[in-house]
Amino acid sequence: FCYAMDLSGFSELQEKMKQYLIESGELPIVKQRAPKKKQTADPVAKAIGDVTASIAAVDSAAIEKTAQVIGASKSVYVIGFRQAIPAALWFYNELTAQRDHVYFIQHDAEDIARNLATMDETSVLVTFMFDKNFEDDETVLAIAQRRNVNVVAVCNESACKDEQDVTQLCTKKLMSQGVPNKIALFTVLYTLIEAVEKQ
């Protein structure tokens, strides 16, 4: 078929069709991806520097307090909001290896309501929030506090509120240009998991 149209093959036919659709306005022009900048710094040295800075930024008293609260609780609920969901899932998986009665709350209104209804003063809610507070984050925290649930907030400083009933693991190092600094975040979380294991 392509040879009958004086084309070298199917690839040339595809290219001609694409060109026609773009010229006729039926297909948007595909934007070229900008070339990635090459990293000038040694990635291993940068990672070591980030880990060192993260360890220095960790508030050992807050880690110890959080580990004690988690260790003394009957059940632990973990929830992540938006871009914090992967970190919350990792923490949940690691914590389930340490203890029983750990539950992950899906970011779904029904699942959140069902789990909040089962919480009480013997429960811990670990929330992961990296964005500035949204109404759903604040609502979950308010309901948990009304039920006398021990709340642990893993967040960057802009997302943390000055709540006296909330144990906060906040640090500027958890964020880098608005994006979670994975090395700093997982340094804090790994340190917390190790502290829980020793309880």
N, C-alpha and C. Protein backbone atom coordinates (compact mmCIF):
# COMPACT_ATOMS: atom_id res chain seq x y z
N PHE A 1 0.83 -1.19 0.00
CA PHE A 1 0.00 0.00 0.00
C PHE A 1 0.87 1.26 0.00
N CYS A 2 1.88 1.31 0.88
CA CYS A 2 2.76 2.48 0.97
C CYS A 2 3.57 2.67 -0.31
N TYR A 3 4.01 1.53 -0.88
CA TYR A 3 4.80 1.62 -2.11
C TYR A 3 3.97 2.16 -3.27
N ALA A 4 2.68 1.84 -3.28
CA ALA A 4 1.79 2.33 -4.33
C ALA A 4 1.63 3.84 -4.25
N MET A 5 1.87 4.41 -3.08
CA MET A 5 1.77 5.86 -2.89
C MET A 5 3.13 6.54 -3.03
N ASP A 6 4.11 5.83 -3.54
CA ASP A 6 5.48 6.33 -3.70
C ASP A 6 6.10 6.73 -2.36
N LEU A 7 5.82 5.95 -1.32
CA LEU A 7 6.42 6.16 0.00
C LEU A 7 7.35 5.00 0.27
N SER A 8 8.38 5.25 1.08
CA SER A 8 9.38 4.21 1.35
C SER A 8 8.86 3.15 2.32
N GLY A 9 7.84 3.47 3.09
CA GLY A 9 7.30 2.48 4.02
C GLY A 9 6.28 3.11 4.96
N PHE A 10 5.89 2.35 5.96
CA PHE A 10 4.85 2.79 6.89
C PHE A 10 5.29 3.99 7.71
N SER A 11 6.57 4.05 8.09
CA SER A 11 7.08 5.18 8.89
C SER A 11 6.90 6.49 8.15
N GLU A 12 7.21 6.48 6.85
CA GLU A 12 7.04 7.70 6.07
C GLU A 12 5.56 8.08 5.95
N LEU A 13 4.67 7.09 5.84
CA LEU A 13 3.24 7.34 5.80
C LEU A 13 2.78 7.98 7.12
N GLN A 14 3.24 7.45 8.25
CA GLN A 14 2.90 8.02 9.54
C GLN A 14 3.35 9.48 9.63
N GLU A 15 4.56 9.75 9.19
CA GLU A 15 5.10 11.10 9.25
C GLU A 15 4.29 12.05 8.38
N LYS A 16 3.91 11.62 7.18
CA LYS A 16 3.10 12.46 6.28
C LYS A 16 1.71 12.73 6.89
N MET A 17 1.11 11.70 7.52
CA MET A 17 -0.21 11.87 8.15
C MET A 17 -0.10 12.84 9.33
N LYS A 18 0.92 12.71 10.10
CA LYS A 18 1.13 13.60 11.25
C LYS A 18 1.30 15.04 10.77
N GLN A 19 2.11 15.23 9.73
CA GLN A 19 2.34 16.57 9.17
C GLN A 19 1.02 17.16 8.66
N TYR A 20 0.22 16.35 7.97
CA TYR A 20 -1.06 16.81 7.45
C TYR A 20 -2.00 17.24 8.59
N LEU A 21 -2.08 16.42 9.65
CA LEU A 21 -2.98 16.73 10.77
C LEU A 21 -2.53 17.99 11.51
N ILE A 22 -1.23 18.19 11.64
CA ILE A 22 -0.73 19.40 12.30
C ILE A 22 -1.05 20.62 11.46
N GLU A 23 -0.81 20.55 10.16
CA GLU A 23 -1.07 21.68 9.27
C GLU A 23 -2.57 22.00 9.19
N SER A 24 -3.41 20.99 9.27
CA SER A 24 -4.85 21.23 9.19
C SER A 24 -5.44 21.66 10.53
N GLY A 25 -4.63 21.63 11.59
CA GLY A 25 -5.08 22.07 12.90
C GLY A 25 -5.81 21.01 13.70
N GLU A 26 -5.85 19.80 13.21
CA GLU A 26 -6.55 18.73 13.91
C GLU A 26 -5.68 18.04 14.96
N LEU A 27 -4.38 18.27 14.94
CA LEU A 27 -3.47 17.65 15.89
C LEU A 27 -2.57 18.75 16.45
N PRO A 28 -2.55 18.93 17.76
CA PRO A 28 -1.70 19.98 18.32
C PRO A 28 -0.23 19.66 18.08
N ILE A 29 0.55 20.71 17.97
CA ILE A 29 1.98 20.53 17.79
C ILE A 29 2.57 19.93 19.06
N VAL A 30 3.33 18.89 18.88
CA VAL A 30 3.96 18.23 20.01
C VAL A 30 5.15 19.05 20.45
N LYS A 31 5.15 19.43 21.71
CA LYS A 31 6.25 20.23 22.23
C LYS A 31 7.45 19.34 22.48
N GLN A 32 8.60 19.85 22.12
CA GLN A 32 9.83 19.12 22.38
C GLN A 32 10.20 19.27 23.84
N ARG A 33 10.64 18.20 24.44
CA ARG A 33 11.07 18.22 25.83
C ARG A 33 12.39 18.96 25.93
N ALA A 34 12.47 19.86 26.90
CA ALA A 34 13.70 20.63 27.10
C ALA A 34 14.80 19.68 27.53
N PRO A 35 16.00 19.88 27.02
CA PRO A 35 17.10 19.01 27.43
C PRO A 35 17.39 19.18 28.92
N LYS A 36 17.68 18.07 29.57
CA LYS A 36 17.98 18.12 30.99
C LYS A 36 19.36 18.72 31.20
N LYS A 37 19.45 19.52 32.27
CA LYS A 37 20.73 20.08 32.62
C LYS A 37 21.58 18.98 33.25
N LYS A 38 22.82 18.96 32.88
CA LYS A 38 23.72 17.98 33.49
C LYS A 38 24.06 18.45 34.89
N GLN A 39 24.07 17.49 35.81
CA GLN A 39 24.44 17.82 37.17
C GLN A 39 25.94 18.05 37.23
N THR A 40 26.29 19.19 37.79
CA THR A 40 27.71 19.50 37.88
C THR A 40 28.33 18.91 39.13
N ALA A 41 27.54 18.74 40.18
CA ALA A 41 28.07 18.20 41.43
C ALA A 41 28.01 16.68 41.40
N ASP A 42 28.90 16.07 42.15
CA ASP A 42 28.93 14.62 42.27
C ASP A 42 27.68 14.19 43.03
N PRO A 43 26.81 13.35 42.43
CA PRO A 43 25.56 12.98 43.09
C PRO A 43 25.78 12.24 44.42
N VAL A 44 26.85 11.46 44.51
CA VAL A 44 27.12 10.74 45.76
C VAL A 44 27.50 11.73 46.85
N ALA A 45 28.35 12.69 46.52
CA ALA A 45 28.76 13.70 47.51
C ALA A 45 27.56 14.53 47.93
N LYS A 46 26.67 14.85 46.96
CA LYS A 46 25.47 15.63 47.29
C LYS A 46 24.57 14.83 48.23
N ALA A 47 24.39 13.53 47.94
CA ALA A 47 23.54 12.68 48.78
C ALA A 47 24.12 12.57 50.19
N ILE A 48 25.42 12.42 50.30
CA ILE A 48 26.06 12.33 51.63
C ILE A 48 25.87 13.64 52.38
N GLY A 49 26.01 14.76 51.68
CA GLY A 49 25.78 16.06 52.31
C GLY A 49 24.34 16.23 52.77
N ASP A 50 23.40 15.78 51.94
CA ASP A 50 21.98 15.86 52.31
C ASP A 50 21.66 15.00 53.53
N VAL A 51 22.22 13.79 53.57
CA VAL A 51 21.98 12.91 54.72
C VAL A 51 22.57 13.52 55.98
N THR A 52 23.79 14.05 55.88
CA THR A 52 24.44 14.67 57.04
C THR A 52 23.62 15.86 57.54
N ALA A 53 23.16 16.70 56.61
CA ALA A 53 22.35 17.86 57.00
C ALA A 53 21.02 17.41 57.60
N SER A 54 20.44 16.35 57.06
CA SER A 54 19.17 15.84 57.57
C SER A 54 19.31 15.33 58.99
N ILE A 55 20.38 14.58 59.23
CA ILE A 55 20.61 14.03 60.57
C ILE A 55 20.79 15.17 61.57
N ALA A 56 21.51 16.21 61.14
CA ALA A 56 21.72 17.36 62.03
C ALA A 56 20.40 18.09 62.30
N ALA A 57 19.48 18.06 61.34
CA ALA A 57 18.21 18.78 61.49
C ALA A 57 17.16 17.99 62.27
N VAL A 58 17.39 16.69 62.46
CA VAL A 58 16.41 15.87 63.15
C VAL A 58 16.37 16.25 64.63
N ASP A 59 15.17 16.49 65.10
CA ASP A 59 14.96 16.80 66.51
C ASP A 59 14.83 15.47 67.25
N SER A 60 15.92 15.05 67.91
CA SER A 60 15.93 13.73 68.54
C SER A 60 14.86 13.60 69.63
N ALA A 61 14.55 14.69 70.32
CA ALA A 61 13.50 14.65 71.35
C ALA A 61 12.14 14.37 70.71
N ALA A 62 11.86 15.00 69.57
CA ALA A 62 10.58 14.77 68.88
C ALA A 62 10.51 13.34 68.35
N ILE A 63 11.63 12.82 67.84
CA ILE A 63 11.66 11.43 67.35
C ILE A 63 11.38 10.48 68.51
N GLU A 64 12.05 10.70 69.63
CA GLU A 64 11.89 9.82 70.80
C GLU A 64 10.45 9.88 71.33
N LYS A 65 9.89 11.09 71.42
CA LYS A 65 8.51 11.25 71.90
C LYS A 65 7.54 10.54 70.96
N THR A 66 7.75 10.71 69.66
CA THR A 66 6.88 10.08 68.67
C THR A 66 6.97 8.56 68.76
N ALA A 67 8.18 8.04 68.91
CA ALA A 67 8.37 6.59 69.02
C ALA A 67 7.67 6.06 70.26
N GLN A 68 7.73 6.80 71.36
CA GLN A 68 7.06 6.37 72.59
C GLN A 68 5.54 6.37 72.42
N VAL A 69 5.02 7.40 71.79
CA VAL A 69 3.58 7.49 71.56
C VAL A 69 3.11 6.34 70.67
N ILE A 70 3.86 6.06 69.60
CA ILE A 70 3.49 4.96 68.70
C ILE A 70 3.62 3.62 69.41
N GLY A 71 4.68 3.46 70.18
CA GLY A 71 4.90 2.20 70.89
C GLY A 71 3.83 1.92 71.94
N ALA A 72 3.32 2.95 72.58
CA ALA A 72 2.33 2.77 73.65
C ALA A 72 0.90 2.66 73.13
N SER A 73 0.68 2.93 71.86
CA SER A 73 -0.68 2.95 71.34
C SER A 73 -1.18 1.54 71.02
N LYS A 74 -2.51 1.39 71.01
CA LYS A 74 -3.11 0.11 70.62
C LYS A 74 -3.18 -0.02 69.10
N SER A 75 -3.37 1.12 68.41
CA SER A 75 -3.46 1.08 66.95
C SER A 75 -2.86 2.36 66.36
N VAL A 76 -2.31 2.21 65.16
CA VAL A 76 -1.69 3.34 64.46
C VAL A 76 -2.36 3.46 63.09
N TYR A 77 -2.80 4.65 62.77
CA TYR A 77 -3.40 4.95 61.47
C TYR A 77 -2.47 5.89 60.73
N VAL A 78 -2.24 5.61 59.46
CA VAL A 78 -1.33 6.42 58.66
C VAL A 78 -2.10 6.97 57.47
N ILE A 79 -1.96 8.27 57.22
CA ILE A 79 -2.60 8.89 56.05
C ILE A 79 -1.63 9.88 55.43
N GLY A 80 -1.63 9.91 54.11
CA GLY A 80 -0.82 10.88 53.38
C GLY A 80 -1.73 11.71 52.49
N PHE A 81 -1.42 12.97 52.40
CA PHE A 81 -2.21 13.87 51.57
C PHE A 81 -1.40 14.26 50.33
N ARG A 82 -2.03 14.11 49.17
CA ARG A 82 -1.46 14.50 47.89
C ARG A 82 -0.06 13.94 47.66
N GLN A 83 0.94 14.81 47.49
CA GLN A 83 2.27 14.32 47.14
C GLN A 83 2.96 13.59 48.28
N ALA A 84 2.35 13.54 49.44
CA ALA A 84 2.93 12.83 50.58
C ALA A 84 2.49 11.36 50.65
N ILE A 85 1.61 10.93 49.77
CA ILE A 85 1.09 9.57 49.82
C ILE A 85 2.20 8.52 49.69
N PRO A 86 3.16 8.65 48.76
CA PRO A 86 4.21 7.61 48.68
C PRO A 86 5.02 7.47 49.97
N ALA A 87 5.36 8.57 50.61
CA ALA A 87 6.10 8.49 51.87
C ALA A 87 5.24 7.85 52.96
N ALA A 88 3.96 8.16 52.98
CA ALA A 88 3.05 7.57 53.97
C ALA A 88 2.94 6.05 53.76
N LEU A 89 2.86 5.62 52.52
CA LEU A 89 2.80 4.19 52.21
C LEU A 89 4.08 3.48 52.65
N TRP A 90 5.22 4.10 52.38
CA TRP A 90 6.50 3.50 52.80
C TRP A 90 6.53 3.36 54.31
N PHE A 91 6.15 4.42 55.02
CA PHE A 91 6.15 4.38 56.48
C PHE A 91 5.20 3.30 57.00
N TYR A 92 4.03 3.22 56.41
CA TYR A 92 3.04 2.20 56.78
C TYR A 92 3.64 0.80 56.61
N ASN A 93 4.25 0.54 55.47
CA ASN A 93 4.83 -0.78 55.22
C ASN A 93 5.94 -1.11 56.22
N GLU A 94 6.78 -0.15 56.51
CA GLU A 94 7.86 -0.38 57.47
C GLU A 94 7.30 -0.60 58.88
N LEU A 95 6.28 0.15 59.24
CA LEU A 95 5.71 0.05 60.58
C LEU A 95 4.98 -1.28 60.77
N THR A 96 4.35 -1.80 59.72
CA THR A 96 3.66 -3.09 59.84
C THR A 96 4.64 -4.22 60.11
N ALA A 97 5.90 -4.04 59.75
CA ALA A 97 6.91 -5.06 60.07
C ALA A 97 7.31 -4.99 61.54
N GLN A 98 7.03 -3.88 62.21
CA GLN A 98 7.41 -3.68 63.61
C GLN A 98 6.31 -4.05 64.59
N ARG A 99 5.07 -3.88 64.18
CA ARG A 99 3.97 -4.06 65.13
C ARG A 99 2.67 -4.40 64.42
N ASP A 100 1.69 -4.82 65.21
CA ASP A 100 0.36 -5.13 64.69
C ASP A 100 -0.53 -3.89 64.80
N HIS A 101 -1.69 -3.99 64.22
CA HIS A 101 -2.72 -2.96 64.28
C HIS A 101 -2.26 -1.62 63.70
N VAL A 102 -1.72 -1.71 62.48
CA VAL A 102 -1.33 -0.51 61.73
C VAL A 102 -2.24 -0.48 60.51
N TYR A 103 -2.86 0.67 60.27
CA TYR A 103 -3.84 0.80 59.20
C TYR A 103 -3.48 1.97 58.29
N PHE A 104 -3.61 1.75 56.98
CA PHE A 104 -3.39 2.84 56.03
C PHE A 104 -4.75 3.38 55.60
N ILE A 105 -4.91 4.69 55.69
CA ILE A 105 -6.17 5.33 55.31
C ILE A 105 -6.04 5.87 53.90
N GLN A 106 -6.91 5.39 53.03
CA GLN A 106 -6.94 5.89 51.66
C GLN A 106 -7.43 7.34 51.66
N HIS A 107 -6.97 8.12 50.70
CA HIS A 107 -7.42 9.52 50.61
C HIS A 107 -8.78 9.54 49.92
N ASP A 108 -9.76 9.01 50.64
CA ASP A 108 -11.12 8.87 50.15
C ASP A 108 -12.03 9.20 51.33
N ALA A 109 -13.05 10.02 51.10
CA ALA A 109 -13.90 10.51 52.19
C ALA A 109 -14.50 9.38 53.02
N GLU A 110 -15.00 8.33 52.36
CA GLU A 110 -15.61 7.22 53.10
C GLU A 110 -14.59 6.48 53.96
N ASP A 111 -13.41 6.22 53.39
CA ASP A 111 -12.38 5.51 54.14
C ASP A 111 -11.88 6.34 55.31
N ILE A 112 -11.72 7.63 55.09
CA ILE A 112 -11.28 8.52 56.17
C ILE A 112 -12.33 8.53 57.28
N ALA A 113 -13.60 8.69 56.93
CA ALA A 113 -14.68 8.74 57.94
C ALA A 113 -14.78 7.43 58.71
N ARG A 114 -14.69 6.31 57.99
CA ARG A 114 -14.78 5.00 58.64
C ARG A 114 -13.64 4.80 59.64
N ASN A 115 -12.43 5.16 59.25
CA ASN A 115 -11.28 4.99 60.13
C ASN A 115 -11.29 5.97 61.30
N LEU A 116 -11.68 7.22 61.04
CA LEU A 116 -11.77 8.19 62.14
C LEU A 116 -12.77 7.75 63.20
N ALA A 117 -13.84 7.09 62.76
CA ALA A 117 -14.87 6.64 63.70
C ALA A 117 -14.35 5.54 64.64
N THR A 118 -13.32 4.82 64.23
CA THR A 118 -12.78 3.74 65.08
C THR A 118 -11.65 4.21 65.99
N MET A 119 -11.21 5.45 65.84
CA MET A 119 -10.09 5.96 66.64
C MET A 119 -10.55 6.47 68.00
N ASP A 120 -9.64 6.36 68.98
CA ASP A 120 -9.89 6.92 70.31
C ASP A 120 -8.56 7.32 70.93
N GLU A 121 -8.56 7.55 72.24
CA GLU A 121 -7.35 8.04 72.91
C GLU A 121 -6.21 7.02 72.93
N THR A 122 -6.50 5.76 72.59
CA THR A 122 -5.44 4.75 72.52
C THR A 122 -4.85 4.62 71.12
N SER A 123 -5.32 5.47 70.20
CA SER A 123 -4.87 5.44 68.81
C SER A 123 -3.89 6.55 68.51
N VAL A 124 -3.10 6.34 67.47
CA VAL A 124 -2.20 7.36 66.95
C VAL A 124 -2.53 7.56 65.47
N LEU A 125 -2.66 8.80 65.06
CA LEU A 125 -2.84 9.13 63.65
C LEU A 125 -1.57 9.81 63.17
N VAL A 126 -0.88 9.18 62.23
CA VAL A 126 0.32 9.77 61.65
C VAL A 126 -0.07 10.36 60.30
N THR A 127 0.00 11.68 60.20
CA THR A 127 -0.39 12.37 58.96
C THR A 127 0.85 12.87 58.24
N PHE A 128 0.86 12.74 56.94
CA PHE A 128 1.94 13.24 56.10
C PHE A 128 1.37 14.37 55.25
N MET A 129 1.88 15.57 55.47
CA MET A 129 1.38 16.75 54.74
C MET A 129 2.57 17.59 54.29
N PHE A 130 2.73 17.75 52.98
CA PHE A 130 3.83 18.56 52.47
C PHE A 130 3.33 19.83 51.79
N ASP A 131 2.05 19.90 51.53
CA ASP A 131 1.47 21.10 50.91
C ASP A 131 1.00 22.01 52.03
N LYS A 132 0.78 23.26 51.70
CA LYS A 132 0.16 24.13 52.69
C LYS A 132 -1.21 23.55 52.99
N ASN A 133 -1.65 23.76 54.19
CA ASN A 133 -2.87 23.08 54.65
C ASN A 133 -4.06 23.36 53.75
N PHE A 134 -4.74 22.28 53.43
CA PHE A 134 -5.99 22.35 52.71
C PHE A 134 -7.10 22.01 53.70
N GLU A 135 -8.31 22.25 53.31
CA GLU A 135 -9.43 22.03 54.21
C GLU A 135 -9.54 20.58 54.65
N ASP A 136 -9.30 19.63 53.74
CA ASP A 136 -9.42 18.22 54.13
C ASP A 136 -8.37 17.83 55.17
N ASP A 137 -7.14 18.35 55.04
CA ASP A 137 -6.10 18.08 56.05
C ASP A 137 -6.55 18.58 57.42
N GLU A 138 -6.98 19.82 57.44
CA GLU A 138 -7.38 20.45 58.70
C GLU A 138 -8.59 19.76 59.31
N THR A 139 -9.53 19.32 58.48
CA THR A 139 -10.72 18.64 58.98
C THR A 139 -10.35 17.32 59.64
N VAL A 140 -9.49 16.54 59.00
CA VAL A 140 -9.06 15.26 59.57
C VAL A 140 -8.36 15.49 60.90
N LEU A 141 -7.47 16.48 60.96
CA LEU A 141 -6.78 16.78 62.22
C LEU A 141 -7.77 17.21 63.30
N ALA A 142 -8.73 18.06 62.96
CA ALA A 142 -9.70 18.55 63.94
C ALA A 142 -10.56 17.41 64.49
N ILE A 143 -11.02 16.52 63.61
CA ILE A 143 -11.84 15.39 64.07
C ILE A 143 -11.02 14.48 64.97
N ALA A 144 -9.80 14.20 64.56
CA ALA A 144 -8.94 13.33 65.37
C ALA A 144 -8.69 13.94 66.75
N GLN A 145 -8.45 15.23 66.80
CA GLN A 145 -8.20 15.89 68.08
C GLN A 145 -9.45 15.88 68.96
N ARG A 146 -10.63 16.05 68.37
CA ARG A 146 -11.87 15.99 69.14
C ARG A 146 -12.08 14.60 69.75
N ARG A 147 -11.56 13.58 69.09
CA ARG A 147 -11.69 12.20 69.58
C ARG A 147 -10.53 11.83 70.51
N ASN A 148 -9.69 12.83 70.87
CA ASN A 148 -8.53 12.64 71.75
C ASN A 148 -7.50 11.66 71.19
N VAL A 149 -7.39 11.61 69.87
CA VAL A 149 -6.40 10.77 69.22
C VAL A 149 -5.05 11.45 69.30
N ASN A 150 -4.00 10.69 69.55
CA ASN A 150 -2.64 11.23 69.50
C ASN A 150 -2.28 11.45 68.03
N VAL A 151 -1.94 12.67 67.67
CA VAL A 151 -1.66 13.01 66.27
C VAL A 151 -0.18 13.31 66.11
N VAL A 152 0.43 12.69 65.08
CA VAL A 152 1.81 12.97 64.70
C VAL A 152 1.76 13.52 63.29
N ALA A 153 2.29 14.72 63.08
CA ALA A 153 2.31 15.34 61.76
C ALA A 153 3.72 15.32 61.21
N VAL A 154 3.91 14.63 60.09
CA VAL A 154 5.19 14.66 59.38
C VAL A 154 4.99 15.65 58.26
N CYS A 155 5.66 16.79 58.36
CA CYS A 155 5.38 17.87 57.43
C CYS A 155 6.57 18.81 57.30
N ASN A 156 6.50 19.65 56.30
CA ASN A 156 7.47 20.74 56.23
C ASN A 156 6.90 21.90 57.04
N GLU A 157 7.71 22.87 57.32
CA GLU A 157 7.28 23.94 58.23
C GLU A 157 6.08 24.72 57.73
N SER A 158 5.95 24.89 56.42
CA SER A 158 4.81 25.67 55.93
C SER A 158 3.49 24.92 56.09
N ALA A 159 3.53 23.59 56.15
CA ALA A 159 2.30 22.82 56.29
C ALA A 159 1.92 22.60 57.75
N CYS A 160 2.88 22.73 58.66
CA CYS A 160 2.59 22.48 60.08
C CYS A 160 1.94 23.69 60.73
N LYS A 161 0.95 23.41 61.51
CA LYS A 161 0.29 24.46 62.29
C LYS A 161 0.86 24.41 63.70
N ASP A 162 0.67 25.48 64.43
CA ASP A 162 1.10 25.50 65.82
C ASP A 162 0.00 24.89 66.67
N GLU A 163 -0.09 23.59 66.63
CA GLU A 163 -1.09 22.86 67.40
C GLU A 163 -0.40 22.29 68.63
N GLN A 164 -0.91 22.57 69.80
CA GLN A 164 -0.25 22.07 70.99
C GLN A 164 -0.49 20.58 71.21
N ASP A 165 -1.55 20.01 70.64
CA ASP A 165 -1.85 18.60 70.84
C ASP A 165 -1.25 17.72 69.75
N VAL A 166 -0.45 18.29 68.87
CA VAL A 166 0.09 17.54 67.74
C VAL A 166 1.60 17.43 67.90
N THR A 167 2.11 16.19 67.88
CA THR A 167 3.55 16.00 67.85
C THR A 167 3.97 16.24 66.41
N GLN A 168 4.89 17.17 66.21
CA GLN A 168 5.26 17.54 64.85
C GLN A 168 6.70 17.17 64.56
N LEU A 169 6.88 16.49 63.44
CA LEU A 169 8.21 16.22 62.93
C LEU A 169 8.37 17.12 61.71
N CYS A 170 8.70 18.36 61.97
CA CYS A 170 8.78 19.36 60.92
C CYS A 170 10.22 19.83 60.75
N THR A 171 10.60 20.05 59.56
CA THR A 171 11.91 20.62 59.29
C THR A 171 11.92 21.23 57.90
N LYS A 172 12.65 22.31 57.76
CA LYS A 172 12.79 22.92 56.44
C LYS A 172 13.48 21.95 55.49
N LYS A 173 14.32 21.09 56.03
CA LYS A 173 15.07 20.15 55.21
C LYS A 173 14.19 19.12 54.52
N LEU A 174 12.92 18.98 54.97
CA LEU A 174 12.03 18.02 54.32
C LEU A 174 11.59 18.50 52.95
N MET A 175 11.78 19.77 52.67
CA MET A 175 11.37 20.31 51.38
C MET A 175 12.55 21.01 50.72
N SER A 176 12.60 20.90 49.41
CA SER A 176 13.62 21.58 48.64
C SER A 176 12.94 22.18 47.41
N GLN A 177 12.82 23.47 47.39
CA GLN A 177 12.17 24.19 46.29
C GLN A 177 10.75 23.67 46.05
N GLY A 178 10.00 23.45 47.14
CA GLY A 178 8.61 23.05 47.04
C GLY A 178 8.39 21.57 46.78
N VAL A 179 9.46 20.80 46.65
CA VAL A 179 9.35 19.38 46.38
C VAL A 179 9.95 18.63 47.56
N PRO A 180 9.34 17.51 47.98
CA PRO A 180 9.91 16.80 49.11
C PRO A 180 11.36 16.39 48.85
N ASN A 181 12.24 16.70 49.80
CA ASN A 181 13.62 16.26 49.74
C ASN A 181 13.62 14.83 50.24
N LYS A 182 13.70 13.87 49.32
CA LYS A 182 13.53 12.46 49.67
C LYS A 182 14.58 11.99 50.66
N ILE A 183 15.79 12.45 50.51
CA ILE A 183 16.85 12.00 51.42
C ILE A 183 16.57 12.48 52.84
N ALA A 184 16.20 13.74 52.99
CA ALA A 184 15.90 14.27 54.32
C ALA A 184 14.67 13.59 54.91
N LEU A 185 13.64 13.45 54.09
CA LEU A 185 12.40 12.84 54.55
C LEU A 185 12.63 11.42 55.03
N PHE A 186 13.29 10.60 54.20
CA PHE A 186 13.46 9.21 54.57
C PHE A 186 14.51 9.02 55.67
N THR A 187 15.40 9.98 55.84
CA THR A 187 16.30 9.94 56.99
C THR A 187 15.48 10.08 58.28
N VAL A 188 14.57 11.04 58.29
CA VAL A 188 13.71 11.24 59.47
C VAL A 188 12.83 10.01 59.69
N LEU A 189 12.22 9.50 58.65
CA LEU A 189 11.33 8.35 58.79
C LEU A 189 12.08 7.09 59.22
N TYR A 190 13.23 6.87 58.63
CA TYR A 190 14.01 5.69 59.00
C TYR A 190 14.46 5.78 60.46
N THR A 191 14.85 6.99 60.88
CA THR A 191 15.25 7.18 62.27
C THR A 191 14.06 6.89 63.19
N LEU A 192 12.87 7.32 62.80
CA LEU A 192 11.67 7.06 63.60
C LEU A 192 11.36 5.56 63.66
N ILE A 193 11.45 4.87 62.54
CA ILE A 193 11.21 3.42 62.51
C ILE A 193 12.19 2.71 63.44
N GLU A 194 13.46 3.11 63.40
CA GLU A 194 14.47 2.50 64.28
C GLU A 194 14.12 2.76 65.76
N ALA A 195 13.66 3.96 66.06
CA ALA A 195 13.29 4.29 67.44
C ALA A 195 12.07 3.49 67.89
N VAL A 196 11.10 3.29 67.00
CA VAL A 196 9.92 2.49 67.33
C VAL A 196 10.34 1.05 67.59
N GLU A 197 11.25 0.54 66.79
CA GLU A 197 11.71 -0.85 66.95
C GLU A 197 12.34 -1.07 68.33
N LYS A 198 12.96 -0.06 68.89
CA LYS A 198 13.63 -0.19 70.19
C LYS A 198 12.66 -0.05 71.36
N GLN A 199 11.40 0.32 71.07
CA GLN A 199 10.41 0.48 72.15
C GLN A 199 9.99 -0.85 72.72
